[in-house]
């Protein structure tokens, strides 16, 4: 889940970077001045933006791809405890009777 969110964040972040580089061509002559004066602030903003995008994609992934996980796990645990339709060895291992 985290790897998918990281991949999506990286793709969006790089696409946004290329878009901004294209739109801000008029700033090329002032590049050294901008980096010297505002490089740390721009870097911090980029880091915070990356973190927020990562958190957003992670939350979306959990919301849409992990639906009903708790109820599914509860159903599996109920089957393991009742020993119905699950192998006897797996039930013993889960119960701790090994």
Protein backbone atom coordinates (compact mmCIF):
# COMPACT_ATOMS: atom_id res chain seq x y z
CA UNK A 1 0.00 0.00 0.00
CA UNK A 2 2.76 2.44 0.92
CA UNK A 3 4.74 1.55 -2.21
CA UNK A 4 1.73 2.35 -4.41
CA UNK A 5 1.20 5.68 -2.65
CA UNK A 6 4.90 6.49 -2.96
CA UNK A 7 4.88 5.67 -6.67
CA UNK A 8 1.77 7.78 -7.34
CA UNK A 9 3.20 10.67 -5.32
CA UNK A 10 6.48 10.55 -7.22
CA UNK A 11 4.73 10.53 -10.60
CA UNK A 12 2.49 13.49 -9.69
CA UNK A 13 5.38 15.39 -8.10
CA UNK A 14 7.61 14.96 -11.16
CA UNK A 15 4.77 15.92 -13.52
CA UNK A 16 4.08 19.02 -11.44
CA UNK A 17 7.80 19.87 -11.49
CA UNK A 18 7.99 19.62 -15.27
CA UNK A 19 4.85 21.73 -15.63
CA UNK A 20 6.28 24.44 -13.37
CA UNK A 21 9.61 24.37 -15.18
CA UNK A 22 7.78 24.93 -18.45
CA UNK A 23 5.62 27.75 -17.09
CA UNK A 24 8.47 29.60 -15.33
CA UNK A 25 10.92 29.90 -18.22
CA UNK A 26 11.09 33.67 -17.72
CA UNK A 27 12.88 33.05 -14.39
CA UNK A 28 15.87 31.28 -15.99
CA UNK A 29 18.10 34.41 -15.95
CA UNK A 30 17.47 34.77 -12.20
CA UNK A 31 18.05 31.10 -11.34
CA UNK A 32 21.24 31.64 -9.30
CA UNK A 33 19.72 34.49 -7.34
CA UNK A 34 16.53 32.53 -6.61
CA UNK A 35 18.43 29.46 -5.46
CA UNK A 36 20.80 31.50 -3.31
CA UNK A 37 18.08 33.52 -1.58
CA UNK A 38 15.08 31.20 -1.56
CA UNK A 39 16.47 27.73 -2.20
CA UNK A 40 15.93 26.50 1.35
CA UNK A 41 12.34 27.77 1.42
CA UNK A 42 11.56 26.25 -1.98
CA UNK A 43 13.08 22.94 -0.88
CA UNK A 44 11.11 22.94 2.38
CA UNK A 45 7.90 23.72 0.50
CA UNK A 46 8.62 20.90 -1.95
CA UNK A 47 9.25 18.48 0.92
CA UNK A 48 6.01 19.44 2.68
CA UNK A 49 4.09 19.17 -0.60
CA UNK A 50 5.57 15.72 -1.23
CA UNK A 51 4.60 14.61 2.28
CA UNK A 52 1.06 15.91 1.91
CA UNK A 53 0.65 14.22 -1.47
CA UNK A 54 1.97 10.97 -0.01
CA UNK A 55 -0.45 11.16 2.91
CA UNK A 56 -3.33 11.92 0.56
CA UNK A 57 -2.59 9.03 -1.78
CA UNK A 58 -2.08 6.71 1.18
CA UNK A 59 -5.44 7.74 2.67
CA UNK A 60 -7.19 7.31 -0.68
CA UNK A 61 -5.63 3.89 -1.12
CA UNK A 62 -6.73 2.76 2.32
CA UNK A 63 -10.21 4.16 1.77
CA UNK A 64 -10.88 2.56 -1.60
CA UNK A 65 -8.76 -0.60 -1.61
CA UNK A 66 -9.18 -1.84 1.96
CA UNK A 67 -12.96 -1.77 2.21
CA UNK A 68 -14.52 -4.19 4.67
CA UNK A 69 -11.15 -5.55 5.76
CA UNK A 70 -12.17 -5.67 9.40
CA UNK A 71 -15.32 -7.65 8.74
CA UNK A 72 -13.46 -10.05 6.47
CA UNK A 73 -10.84 -10.65 9.14
CA UNK A 74 -13.55 -11.13 11.77
CA UNK A 75 -15.21 -13.72 9.54
CA UNK A 76 -11.89 -15.55 9.09
CA UNK A 77 -11.22 -15.49 12.83
CA UNK A 78 -14.70 -16.88 13.48
CA UNK A 79 -13.99 -19.75 11.06
CA UNK A 80 -10.64 -20.47 12.71
CA UNK A 81 -12.12 -20.56 16.20
CA UNK A 82 -15.04 -22.80 15.19
CA UNK A 83 -12.72 -25.03 13.12
CA UNK A 84 -15.17 -25.09 10.22
CA UNK A 85 -13.85 -25.24 6.64
CA UNK A 86 -10.27 -24.50 7.75
CA UNK A 87 -7.63 -27.13 8.09
CA UNK A 88 -7.07 -28.56 11.55
CA UNK A 89 -3.36 -27.75 11.57
CA UNK A 90 -3.92 -24.07 10.81
CA UNK A 91 -6.52 -23.85 13.57
CA UNK A 92 -4.09 -25.40 16.07
CA UNK A 93 -1.32 -22.98 15.11
CA UNK A 94 -3.56 -19.97 15.50
CA UNK A 95 -4.88 -21.20 18.84
CA UNK A 96 -1.31 -21.71 20.06
CA UNK A 97 -1.60 -25.48 20.72
CA UNK A 98 1.27 -26.37 18.37
